[in-house]
Amino acid sequence: MKGDVNARHNVAVVEENSGNMKRAIKHYMIASGYGQNKALKNIQRLYSQGCATKDEYTKALRLYQKYLNEVKSSQRDEAAAFDDEYKYLEGLI
């Protein structure tokens, strides 16, 4: 993983597929805190399936929002217009 947010997300997927939900959620949370929107969506899915708690989902939303507030810029807004990977998931909290 060594700081690679996509690797962290991938580890979470492997853990989830192996049935290790607590470990998966832990890795999804870390990835969400570094702006990995797929990780946030996966926590949301796990919450809707009853595998993650409301507190875990709320914490992930707050970590993601904190990250967005730290990186928000006009250049990123322009990039988001061209590529979904750079789009913000605002309004979730």
C-alpha atoms as a PDB file:
ATOM      1  CA  MET A   1       0.000   0.000   0.000  1.00  0.00           C
ATOM      2  CA  LYS A   2       2.759   2.467   1.031  1.00  0.00           C
ATOM      3  CA  GLY A   3       0.621   5.549   0.547  1.00  0.00           C
ATOM      4  CA  ASP A   4      -1.112   4.437  -2.654  1.00  0.00           C
ATOM      5  CA  VAL A   5      -4.813   5.120  -2.112  1.00  0.00           C
ATOM      6  CA  ASN A   6      -5.848   2.894  -5.007  1.00  0.00           C
ATOM      7  CA  ALA A   7      -3.860   0.005  -3.534  1.00  0.00           C
ATOM      8  CA  ARG A   8      -5.599   0.600  -0.202  1.00  0.00           C
ATOM      9  CA  HIS A   9      -8.957   0.410  -1.971  1.00  0.00           C
ATOM     10  CA  ASN A  10      -7.913  -2.784  -3.752  1.00  0.00           C
ATOM     11  CA  VAL A  11      -6.896  -4.392  -0.452  1.00  0.00           C
ATOM     12  CA  ALA A  12     -10.345  -3.502   0.892  1.00  0.00           C
ATOM     13  CA  VAL A  13     -11.992  -5.199  -2.089  1.00  0.00           C
ATOM     14  CA  VAL A  14      -9.924  -8.347  -1.530  1.00  0.00           C
ATOM     15  CA  GLU A  15     -10.793  -8.341   2.176  1.00  0.00           C
ATOM     16  CA  GLU A  16     -14.481  -7.869   1.397  1.00  0.00           C
ATOM     17  CA  ASN A  17     -14.451 -10.684  -1.160  1.00  0.00           C
ATOM     18  CA  SER A  18     -12.790 -12.891   1.474  1.00  0.00           C
ATOM     19  CA  GLY A  19     -15.556 -12.100   3.945  1.00  0.00           C
ATOM     20  CA  ASN A  20     -13.377  -9.981   6.257  1.00  0.00           C
ATOM     21  CA  MET A  21     -15.817  -7.095   6.532  1.00  0.00           C
ATOM     22  CA  LYS A  22     -14.178  -5.351   9.500  1.00  0.00           C
ATOM     23  CA  ARG A  23     -10.829  -5.264   7.704  1.00  0.00           C
ATOM     24  CA  ALA A  24     -12.487  -4.220   4.443  1.00  0.00           C
ATOM     25  CA  ILE A  25     -14.264  -1.340   6.150  1.00  0.00           C
ATOM     26  CA  LYS A  26     -11.016  -0.281   7.825  1.00  0.00           C
ATOM     27  CA  HIS A  27      -9.246  -0.075   4.453  1.00  0.00           C
ATOM     28  CA  TYR A  28     -12.215   1.602   2.754  1.00  0.00           C
ATOM     29  CA  MET A  29     -12.224   4.206   5.551  1.00  0.00           C
ATOM     30  CA  ILE A  30      -8.546   4.987   5.054  1.00  0.00           C
ATOM     31  CA  ALA A  31      -9.003   5.245   1.285  1.00  0.00           C
ATOM     32  CA  SER A  32     -12.060   7.495   1.741  1.00  0.00           C
ATOM     33  CA  GLY A  33      -9.991   9.809   3.914  1.00  0.00           C
ATOM     34  CA  TYR A  34      -7.581  10.239   1.018  1.00  0.00           C
ATOM     35  CA  GLY A  35     -10.299  11.046  -1.506  1.00  0.00           C
ATOM     36  CA  GLN A  36     -10.945   7.620  -3.044  1.00  0.00           C
ATOM     37  CA  ASN A  37     -14.600   8.040  -4.020  1.00  0.00           C
ATOM     38  CA  LYS A  38     -14.988   4.356  -4.955  1.00  0.00           C
ATOM     39  CA  ALA A  39     -14.114   3.466  -1.358  1.00  0.00           C
ATOM     40  CA  LEU A  40     -16.772   5.851  -0.071  1.00  0.00           C
ATOM     41  CA  LYS A  41     -19.343   4.356  -2.434  1.00  0.00           C
ATOM     42  CA  ASN A  42     -18.406   0.870  -1.238  1.00  0.00           C
ATOM     43  CA  ILE A  43     -18.898   1.858   2.397  1.00  0.00           C
ATOM     44  CA  GLN A  44     -22.255   3.327   1.440  1.00  0.00           C
ATOM     45  CA  ARG A  45     -23.165   0.036  -0.238  1.00  0.00           C
ATOM     46  CA  LEU A  46     -22.016  -1.961   2.782  1.00  0.00           C
ATOM     47  CA  TYR A  47     -24.082   0.294   5.036  1.00  0.00           C
ATOM     48  CA  SER A  48     -27.186  -0.221   2.892  1.00  0.00           C
ATOM     49  CA  GLN A  49     -26.588  -3.993   3.080  1.00  0.00           C
ATOM     50  CA  GLY A  50     -26.242  -3.869   6.862  1.00  0.00           C
ATOM     51  CA  CYS A  51     -22.527  -4.758   6.851  1.00  0.00           C
ATOM     52  CA  ALA A  52     -21.316  -1.326   8.004  1.00  0.00           C
ATOM     53  CA  THR A  53     -22.731   0.755  10.813  1.00  0.00           C
ATOM     54  CA  LYS A  54     -24.236   4.205  10.528  1.00  0.00           C
ATOM     55  CA  ASP A  55     -21.278   5.530  12.553  1.00  0.00           C
ATOM     56  CA  GLU A  56     -18.788   3.967  10.127  1.00  0.00           C
ATOM     57  CA  TYR A  57     -20.589   5.416   7.133  1.00  0.00           C
ATOM     58  CA  THR A  58     -20.859   8.838   8.784  1.00  0.00           C
ATOM     59  CA  LYS A  59     -17.162   8.783   9.667  1.00  0.00           C
ATOM     60  CA  ALA A  60     -16.258   7.880   6.078  1.00  0.00           C
ATOM     61  CA  LEU A  61     -18.392  10.758   4.778  1.00  0.00           C
ATOM     62  CA  ARG A  62     -16.696  13.189   7.148  1.00  0.00           C
ATOM     63  CA  LEU A  63     -13.208  11.971   6.244  1.00  0.00           C
ATOM     64  CA  TYR A  64     -14.019  12.309   2.556  1.00  0.00           C
ATOM     65  CA  GLN A  65     -15.524  15.789   3.025  1.00  0.00           C
ATOM     66  CA  LYS A  66     -12.463  16.882   5.002  1.00  0.00           C
ATOM     67  CA  TYR A  67     -10.248  15.706   2.161  1.00  0.00           C
ATOM     68  CA  LEU A  68     -12.375  17.599  -0.384  1.00  0.00           C
ATOM     69  CA  ASN A  69     -12.123  20.787   1.636  1.00  0.00           C
ATOM     70  CA  GLU A  70      -8.345  20.449   1.722  1.00  0.00           C
ATOM     71  CA  VAL A  71      -7.870  19.873  -2.013  1.00  0.00           C
ATOM     72  CA  LYS A  72     -10.618  22.005  -3.540  1.00  0.00           C
ATOM     73  CA  SER A  73      -9.322  24.284  -6.274  1.00  0.00           C
ATOM     74  CA  SER A  74     -10.412  25.851  -9.549  1.00  0.00           C
ATOM     75  CA  GLN A  75      -7.953  23.616 -11.459  1.00  0.00           C
ATOM     76  CA  ARG A  76      -9.546  20.508  -9.962  1.00  0.00           C
ATOM     77  CA  ASP A  77     -12.998  21.839 -10.857  1.00  0.00           C
ATOM     78  CA  GLU A  78     -11.869  22.196 -14.470  1.00  0.00           C
ATOM     79  CA  ALA A  79     -10.461  18.649 -14.475  1.00  0.00           C
ATOM     80  CA  ALA A  80     -13.742  17.328 -13.044  1.00  0.00           C
ATOM     81  CA  ALA A  81     -15.547  18.707 -16.074  1.00  0.00           C
ATOM     82  CA  PHE A  82     -13.569  16.296 -18.268  1.00  0.00           C
ATOM     83  CA  ASP A  83     -13.098  13.162 -16.149  1.00  0.00           C
ATOM     84  CA  ASP A  84     -15.425  11.538 -13.599  1.00  0.00           C
ATOM     85  CA  GLU A  85     -12.429  10.420 -11.512  1.00  0.00           C
ATOM     86  CA  TYR A  86     -11.930  14.041 -10.463  1.00  0.00           C
ATOM     87  CA  LYS A  87     -15.559  14.822  -9.673  1.00  0.00           C
ATOM     88  CA  TYR A  88     -16.446  15.718  -6.127  1.00  0.00           C
ATOM     89  CA  LEU A  89     -19.106  13.796  -4.247  1.00  0.00           C
ATOM     90  CA  GLU A  90     -20.314  16.817  -2.329  1.00  0.00           C
ATOM     91  CA  GLY A  91     -23.596  17.068  -0.564  1.00  0.00           C
ATOM     92  CA  LEU A  92     -23.343  13.638   1.000  1.00  0.00           C
ATOM     93  CA  ILE A  93     -23.173  14.837   4.589  1.00  0.00           C
END
